[in-house]
Amino acid sequence: MKIYSHYGYKDFILCLGYRGDMIKEYFYHYEIMNNDFTMNLGRKNELEIHRKHDEEGWRVTLCDTGDKAQKGARLKRIEKYVDGPVFMVTYGDGVADINIRALMQFHLAHGRLATVTGVRPLARFGS
């Protein structure tokens, strides 16, 4: 997500399956888990967060797509959250040195339905 954010993309949809509840909990408590904060005991609503991360302006939608769902089913289940005809998909562990802005420009310039990227060497558990 930080790679996408570097290129200006800050709207994310996470397809949750196995242990999705833990991912929801992490994001629900994101601000206090990733920042220093000051609180006044006895006053629950008085919490001052001292921001130290750069994820400002991120929009994260967490969608339970089922732990048995395959990739196509997951995409179908998040369709209602996708805003617009063009979107990007990556695996949660998809890390590569790809210029996302250039990739999107390439995709739009060629007017195709989809553009796929890959890395070498191939991943141990598939491509």
N, C-alpha and C. Protein backbone atom coordinates (compact mmCIF):
# COMPACT_ATOMS: atom_id res chain seq x y z
N MET A 1 0.82 -1.19 0.00
CA MET A 1 0.00 0.00 0.00
C MET A 1 0.87 1.25 0.00
N LYS A 2 2.02 1.16 0.66
CA LYS A 2 2.91 2.32 0.66
C LYS A 2 3.51 2.56 -0.73
N ILE A 3 3.72 1.49 -1.49
CA ILE A 3 4.23 1.64 -2.85
C ILE A 3 3.20 2.39 -3.69
N TYR A 4 1.94 1.99 -3.62
CA TYR A 4 0.88 2.68 -4.36
C TYR A 4 0.75 4.12 -3.89
N SER A 5 0.80 4.33 -2.59
CA SER A 5 0.68 5.69 -2.04
C SER A 5 1.79 6.60 -2.55
N HIS A 6 2.98 6.05 -2.70
CA HIS A 6 4.10 6.83 -3.23
C HIS A 6 3.76 7.44 -4.59
N TYR A 7 2.94 6.74 -5.37
CA TYR A 7 2.54 7.22 -6.70
C TYR A 7 1.20 7.94 -6.68
N GLY A 8 0.68 8.25 -5.50
CA GLY A 8 -0.53 9.05 -5.38
C GLY A 8 -1.83 8.27 -5.27
N TYR A 9 -1.76 6.96 -5.23
CA TYR A 9 -2.96 6.14 -5.09
C TYR A 9 -3.18 5.86 -3.60
N LYS A 10 -4.30 6.35 -3.06
CA LYS A 10 -4.54 6.23 -1.63
C LYS A 10 -5.91 5.67 -1.28
N ASP A 11 -6.56 5.07 -2.25
CA ASP A 11 -7.86 4.45 -2.03
C ASP A 11 -7.70 2.95 -2.20
N PHE A 12 -7.89 2.20 -1.11
CA PHE A 12 -7.60 0.77 -1.11
C PHE A 12 -8.83 -0.04 -0.72
N ILE A 13 -8.94 -1.20 -1.31
CA ILE A 13 -9.96 -2.18 -0.93
C ILE A 13 -9.23 -3.47 -0.60
N LEU A 14 -9.39 -3.94 0.62
CA LEU A 14 -8.73 -5.17 1.03
C LEU A 14 -9.74 -6.31 1.01
N CYS A 15 -9.41 -7.36 0.27
CA CYS A 15 -10.24 -8.56 0.21
C CYS A 15 -9.80 -9.48 1.35
N LEU A 16 -10.64 -9.60 2.34
CA LEU A 16 -10.26 -10.34 3.54
C LEU A 16 -10.80 -11.76 3.51
N GLY A 17 -9.95 -12.67 3.95
CA GLY A 17 -10.33 -14.06 4.07
C GLY A 17 -9.83 -14.57 5.41
N TYR A 18 -8.87 -15.49 5.36
CA TYR A 18 -8.31 -16.08 6.57
C TYR A 18 -7.75 -15.00 7.49
N ARG A 19 -8.17 -15.01 8.73
CA ARG A 19 -7.75 -14.05 9.76
C ARG A 19 -8.13 -12.61 9.41
N GLY A 20 -9.15 -12.44 8.60
CA GLY A 20 -9.61 -11.11 8.24
C GLY A 20 -10.00 -10.28 9.43
N ASP A 21 -10.49 -10.93 10.50
CA ASP A 21 -10.87 -10.21 11.71
C ASP A 21 -9.67 -9.51 12.33
N MET A 22 -8.50 -10.12 12.23
CA MET A 22 -7.29 -9.50 12.78
C MET A 22 -6.89 -8.27 11.96
N ILE A 23 -7.07 -8.35 10.66
CA ILE A 23 -6.74 -7.21 9.80
C ILE A 23 -7.71 -6.07 10.06
N LYS A 24 -9.00 -6.39 10.23
CA LYS A 24 -9.99 -5.36 10.57
C LYS A 24 -9.63 -4.70 11.90
N GLU A 25 -9.27 -5.50 12.88
CA GLU A 25 -8.91 -4.96 14.19
C GLU A 25 -7.68 -4.06 14.09
N TYR A 26 -6.69 -4.48 13.31
CA TYR A 26 -5.48 -3.66 13.13
C TYR A 26 -5.84 -2.29 12.57
N PHE A 27 -6.62 -2.25 11.50
CA PHE A 27 -6.97 -0.96 10.91
C PHE A 27 -7.90 -0.14 11.79
N TYR A 28 -8.80 -0.81 12.52
CA TYR A 28 -9.70 -0.09 13.41
C TYR A 28 -8.91 0.66 14.48
N HIS A 29 -7.82 0.06 14.95
CA HIS A 29 -6.98 0.67 15.99
C HIS A 29 -5.70 1.29 15.41
N TYR A 30 -5.69 1.55 14.10
CA TYR A 30 -4.48 1.97 13.40
C TYR A 30 -3.81 3.20 14.02
N GLU A 31 -4.61 4.22 14.28
CA GLU A 31 -4.03 5.49 14.76
C GLU A 31 -3.30 5.31 16.09
N ILE A 32 -3.90 4.61 17.02
CA ILE A 32 -3.24 4.47 18.32
C ILE A 32 -2.13 3.41 18.29
N MET A 33 -2.19 2.48 17.33
CA MET A 33 -1.15 1.46 17.24
C MET A 33 0.09 1.95 16.51
N ASN A 34 -0.04 3.02 15.74
CA ASN A 34 1.07 3.51 14.92
C ASN A 34 1.52 4.91 15.28
N ASN A 35 1.04 5.44 16.37
CA ASN A 35 1.41 6.79 16.79
C ASN A 35 1.59 6.83 18.29
N ASP A 36 2.28 7.85 18.75
CA ASP A 36 2.28 8.17 20.16
C ASP A 36 0.96 8.89 20.44
N PHE A 37 0.47 8.82 21.66
CA PHE A 37 -0.74 9.55 21.99
C PHE A 37 -0.75 9.91 23.47
N THR A 38 -1.54 10.91 23.78
CA THR A 38 -1.73 11.36 25.15
C THR A 38 -3.21 11.23 25.46
N MET A 39 -3.52 10.67 26.63
CA MET A 39 -4.92 10.56 27.02
C MET A 39 -5.09 11.04 28.45
N ASN A 40 -6.26 11.54 28.75
CA ASN A 40 -6.61 11.95 30.10
C ASN A 40 -7.44 10.83 30.71
N LEU A 41 -6.88 10.14 31.67
CA LEU A 41 -7.59 9.02 32.29
C LEU A 41 -8.88 9.52 32.92
N GLY A 42 -9.94 8.76 32.75
CA GLY A 42 -11.25 9.15 33.26
C GLY A 42 -12.05 9.97 32.27
N ARG A 43 -11.44 10.37 31.18
CA ARG A 43 -12.11 11.15 30.13
C ARG A 43 -11.87 10.43 28.80
N LYS A 44 -12.71 9.45 28.50
CA LYS A 44 -12.49 8.57 27.34
C LYS A 44 -12.39 9.31 26.03
N ASN A 45 -13.09 10.39 25.88
CA ASN A 45 -13.12 11.08 24.59
C ASN A 45 -11.97 12.07 24.41
N GLU A 46 -11.13 12.20 25.40
CA GLU A 46 -10.00 13.12 25.28
C GLU A 46 -8.73 12.33 24.96
N LEU A 47 -8.45 12.25 23.68
CA LEU A 47 -7.29 11.52 23.20
C LEU A 47 -6.57 12.39 22.18
N GLU A 48 -5.31 12.69 22.43
CA GLU A 48 -4.52 13.49 21.50
C GLU A 48 -3.51 12.57 20.83
N ILE A 49 -3.64 12.44 19.52
CA ILE A 49 -2.74 11.56 18.76
C ILE A 49 -1.61 12.41 18.18
N HIS A 50 -0.38 11.99 18.42
CA HIS A 50 0.81 12.67 17.92
C HIS A 50 1.26 11.91 16.67
N ARG A 51 0.75 12.34 15.53
CA ARG A 51 0.98 11.60 14.28
C ARG A 51 2.46 11.57 13.90
N LYS A 52 2.91 10.37 13.55
CA LYS A 52 4.30 10.21 13.12
C LYS A 52 4.40 9.35 11.86
N HIS A 53 3.26 9.01 11.27
CA HIS A 53 3.29 8.21 10.04
C HIS A 53 2.81 9.08 8.88
N ASP A 54 3.02 8.61 7.66
CA ASP A 54 2.69 9.42 6.49
C ASP A 54 1.51 8.84 5.70
N GLU A 55 0.65 8.09 6.35
CA GLU A 55 -0.50 7.51 5.67
C GLU A 55 -1.71 8.44 5.69
N GLU A 56 -1.49 9.71 5.79
CA GLU A 56 -2.57 10.70 5.82
C GLU A 56 -3.39 10.65 4.54
N GLY A 57 -4.70 10.64 4.68
CA GLY A 57 -5.57 10.69 3.52
C GLY A 57 -5.86 9.34 2.88
N TRP A 58 -5.38 8.27 3.47
CA TRP A 58 -5.67 6.95 2.92
C TRP A 58 -7.13 6.60 3.21
N ARG A 59 -7.77 5.95 2.27
CA ARG A 59 -9.13 5.44 2.44
C ARG A 59 -9.03 3.93 2.27
N VAL A 60 -9.36 3.17 3.31
CA VAL A 60 -9.20 1.73 3.29
C VAL A 60 -10.55 1.07 3.53
N THR A 61 -11.03 0.33 2.54
CA THR A 61 -12.27 -0.43 2.67
C THR A 61 -11.89 -1.88 2.94
N LEU A 62 -12.44 -2.43 4.00
CA LEU A 62 -12.15 -3.81 4.38
C LEU A 62 -13.38 -4.65 4.08
N CYS A 63 -13.25 -5.60 3.17
CA CYS A 63 -14.38 -6.40 2.70
C CYS A 63 -14.12 -7.88 2.97
N ASP A 64 -15.01 -8.50 3.73
CA ASP A 64 -14.90 -9.93 4.01
C ASP A 64 -15.35 -10.70 2.77
N THR A 65 -14.39 -11.24 2.04
CA THR A 65 -14.70 -11.97 0.80
C THR A 65 -14.68 -13.48 1.01
N GLY A 66 -14.42 -13.93 2.23
CA GLY A 66 -14.44 -15.36 2.53
C GLY A 66 -13.08 -16.00 2.41
N ASP A 67 -12.79 -16.90 3.33
CA ASP A 67 -11.45 -17.52 3.32
C ASP A 67 -11.30 -18.63 2.29
N LYS A 68 -12.39 -19.05 1.66
CA LYS A 68 -12.32 -20.08 0.63
C LYS A 68 -12.46 -19.51 -0.79
N ALA A 69 -12.72 -18.22 -0.90
CA ALA A 69 -12.97 -17.61 -2.21
C ALA A 69 -11.70 -17.55 -3.05
N GLN A 70 -11.85 -17.83 -4.33
CA GLN A 70 -10.75 -17.69 -5.28
C GLN A 70 -10.69 -16.24 -5.75
N LYS A 71 -9.67 -15.92 -6.53
CA LYS A 71 -9.44 -14.52 -6.94
C LYS A 71 -10.62 -13.89 -7.65
N GLY A 72 -11.21 -14.59 -8.60
CA GLY A 72 -12.34 -14.03 -9.34
C GLY A 72 -13.53 -13.74 -8.45
N ALA A 73 -13.81 -14.64 -7.52
CA ALA A 73 -14.92 -14.44 -6.59
C ALA A 73 -14.66 -13.24 -5.69
N ARG A 74 -13.43 -13.08 -5.27
CA ARG A 74 -13.08 -11.93 -4.41
C ARG A 74 -13.32 -10.62 -5.16
N LEU A 75 -12.89 -10.58 -6.42
CA LEU A 75 -13.10 -9.37 -7.22
C LEU A 75 -14.59 -9.08 -7.41
N LYS A 76 -15.37 -10.10 -7.65
CA LYS A 76 -16.81 -9.91 -7.82
C LYS A 76 -17.44 -9.37 -6.53
N ARG A 77 -16.98 -9.84 -5.39
CA ARG A 77 -17.54 -9.43 -4.10
C ARG A 77 -17.18 -7.99 -3.73
N ILE A 78 -16.11 -7.44 -4.30
CA ILE A 78 -15.75 -6.05 -4.00
C ILE A 78 -16.20 -5.09 -5.09
N GLU A 79 -16.82 -5.60 -6.13
CA GLU A 79 -17.24 -4.79 -7.28
C GLU A 79 -17.99 -3.54 -6.84
N LYS A 80 -18.86 -3.64 -5.84
CA LYS A 80 -19.67 -2.50 -5.41
C LYS A 80 -18.83 -1.39 -4.78
N TYR A 81 -17.60 -1.67 -4.40
CA TYR A 81 -16.73 -0.67 -3.80
C TYR A 81 -15.76 -0.04 -4.80
N VAL A 82 -15.65 -0.61 -5.98
CA VAL A 82 -14.73 -0.09 -7.00
C VAL A 82 -15.38 1.12 -7.66
N ASP A 83 -14.67 2.24 -7.62
CA ASP A 83 -15.19 3.50 -8.15
C ASP A 83 -14.54 3.81 -9.49
N GLY A 84 -15.21 3.48 -10.57
CA GLY A 84 -14.68 3.78 -11.89
C GLY A 84 -14.32 2.53 -12.66
N PRO A 85 -14.07 2.71 -13.96
CA PRO A 85 -13.80 1.56 -14.83
C PRO A 85 -12.35 1.05 -14.77
N VAL A 86 -11.45 1.83 -14.22
CA VAL A 86 -10.04 1.45 -14.18
C VAL A 86 -9.62 1.27 -12.72
N PHE A 87 -9.02 0.11 -12.43
CA PHE A 87 -8.53 -0.15 -11.07
C PHE A 87 -7.35 -1.10 -11.15
N MET A 88 -6.62 -1.21 -10.07
CA MET A 88 -5.45 -2.09 -10.01
C MET A 88 -5.66 -3.16 -8.96
N VAL A 89 -5.07 -4.31 -9.20
CA VAL A 89 -5.16 -5.43 -8.27
C VAL A 89 -3.76 -5.95 -8.02
N THR A 90 -3.48 -6.30 -6.77
CA THR A 90 -2.22 -6.96 -6.46
C THR A 90 -2.45 -7.94 -5.32
N TYR A 91 -1.59 -8.92 -5.22
CA TYR A 91 -1.63 -9.83 -4.07
C TYR A 91 -1.10 -9.07 -2.87
N GLY A 92 -1.48 -9.51 -1.68
CA GLY A 92 -1.01 -8.87 -0.46
C GLY A 92 0.49 -8.89 -0.32
N ASP A 93 1.13 -9.88 -0.90
CA ASP A 93 2.58 -9.95 -0.81
C ASP A 93 3.25 -9.54 -2.12
N GLY A 94 2.51 -8.82 -2.97
CA GLY A 94 3.06 -8.39 -4.25
C GLY A 94 3.99 -7.20 -4.10
N VAL A 95 5.27 -7.46 -4.06
CA VAL A 95 6.26 -6.39 -3.92
C VAL A 95 7.22 -6.48 -5.11
N ALA A 96 7.36 -5.39 -5.82
CA ALA A 96 8.27 -5.36 -6.96
C ALA A 96 8.68 -3.91 -7.21
N ASP A 97 9.72 -3.73 -7.95
CA ASP A 97 10.21 -2.40 -8.31
C ASP A 97 9.52 -1.97 -9.60
N ILE A 98 8.27 -1.55 -9.49
CA ILE A 98 7.48 -1.16 -10.66
C ILE A 98 7.04 0.30 -10.49
N ASN A 99 7.25 1.09 -11.51
CA ASN A 99 6.78 2.47 -11.50
C ASN A 99 5.28 2.42 -11.81
N ILE A 100 4.48 2.55 -10.79
CA ILE A 100 3.02 2.41 -10.93
C ILE A 100 2.46 3.48 -11.87
N ARG A 101 2.97 4.68 -11.79
CA ARG A 101 2.49 5.76 -12.67
C ARG A 101 2.75 5.42 -14.13
N ALA A 102 3.96 4.95 -14.43
CA ALA A 102 4.29 4.57 -15.80
C ALA A 102 3.47 3.36 -16.25
N LEU A 103 3.22 2.44 -15.36
CA LEU A 103 2.40 1.27 -15.68
C LEU A 103 0.99 1.71 -16.05
N MET A 104 0.41 2.62 -15.28
CA MET A 104 -0.95 3.10 -15.58
C MET A 104 -0.96 3.86 -16.91
N GLN A 105 0.04 4.67 -17.17
CA GLN A 105 0.12 5.38 -18.44
C GLN A 105 0.21 4.40 -19.61
N PHE A 106 1.01 3.35 -19.46
CA PHE A 106 1.14 2.32 -20.47
C PHE A 106 -0.22 1.66 -20.72
N HIS A 107 -0.90 1.31 -19.65
CA HIS A 107 -2.21 0.65 -19.76
C HIS A 107 -3.20 1.55 -20.50
N LEU A 108 -3.31 2.80 -20.09
CA LEU A 108 -4.27 3.72 -20.70
C LEU A 108 -3.92 3.99 -22.17
N ALA A 109 -2.63 4.09 -22.48
CA ALA A 109 -2.20 4.39 -23.85
C ALA A 109 -2.53 3.25 -24.82
N HIS A 110 -2.61 2.03 -24.32
CA HIS A 110 -2.85 0.88 -25.19
C HIS A 110 -4.32 0.48 -25.27
N GLY A 111 -5.17 1.10 -24.46
CA GLY A 111 -6.60 0.87 -24.56
C GLY A 111 -7.06 -0.57 -24.41
N ARG A 112 -6.37 -1.33 -23.63
CA ARG A 112 -6.72 -2.75 -23.45
C ARG A 112 -7.59 -2.94 -22.21
N LEU A 113 -8.15 -4.12 -22.09
CA LEU A 113 -8.99 -4.46 -20.95
C LEU A 113 -8.15 -4.62 -19.68
N ALA A 114 -6.96 -5.23 -19.82
CA ALA A 114 -6.12 -5.50 -18.65
C ALA A 114 -4.65 -5.43 -19.03
N THR A 115 -3.84 -5.11 -18.05
CA THR A 115 -2.38 -5.13 -18.18
C THR A 115 -1.86 -5.95 -17.02
N VAL A 116 -0.96 -6.89 -17.30
CA VAL A 116 -0.42 -7.76 -16.26
C VAL A 116 1.08 -7.53 -16.16
N THR A 117 1.57 -7.45 -14.94
CA THR A 117 3.02 -7.34 -14.73
C THR A 117 3.50 -8.63 -14.07
N GLY A 118 4.77 -8.90 -14.21
CA GLY A 118 5.38 -10.06 -13.58
C GLY A 118 6.80 -9.74 -13.17
N VAL A 119 7.39 -10.59 -12.40
CA VAL A 119 8.76 -10.39 -11.94
C VAL A 119 9.59 -11.63 -12.24
N ARG A 120 10.90 -11.43 -12.29
CA ARG A 120 11.85 -12.53 -12.44
C ARG A 120 12.80 -12.49 -11.27
N PRO A 121 13.16 -13.56 -10.67
CA PRO A 121 12.63 -14.89 -10.95
C PRO A 121 11.19 -15.00 -10.44
N LEU A 122 10.49 -16.00 -10.96
CA LEU A 122 9.11 -16.22 -10.52
C LEU A 122 9.09 -16.52 -9.03
N ALA A 123 7.98 -16.22 -8.41
CA ALA A 123 7.82 -16.48 -7.00
C ALA A 123 7.82 -17.97 -6.70
N ARG A 124 8.18 -18.36 -5.54
CA ARG A 124 8.25 -19.76 -5.15
C ARG A 124 6.90 -20.45 -5.23
N PHE A 125 5.81 -19.72 -4.91
CA PHE A 125 4.49 -20.33 -4.83
C PHE A 125 3.59 -19.95 -5.98
N GLY A 126 4.13 -19.63 -7.15
CA GLY A 126 3.31 -19.35 -8.30
C GLY A 126 3.62 -17.99 -8.90
N SER A 127 2.85 -17.66 -9.90
CA SER A 127 3.05 -16.37 -10.57
C SER A 127 1.74 -15.66 -10.74
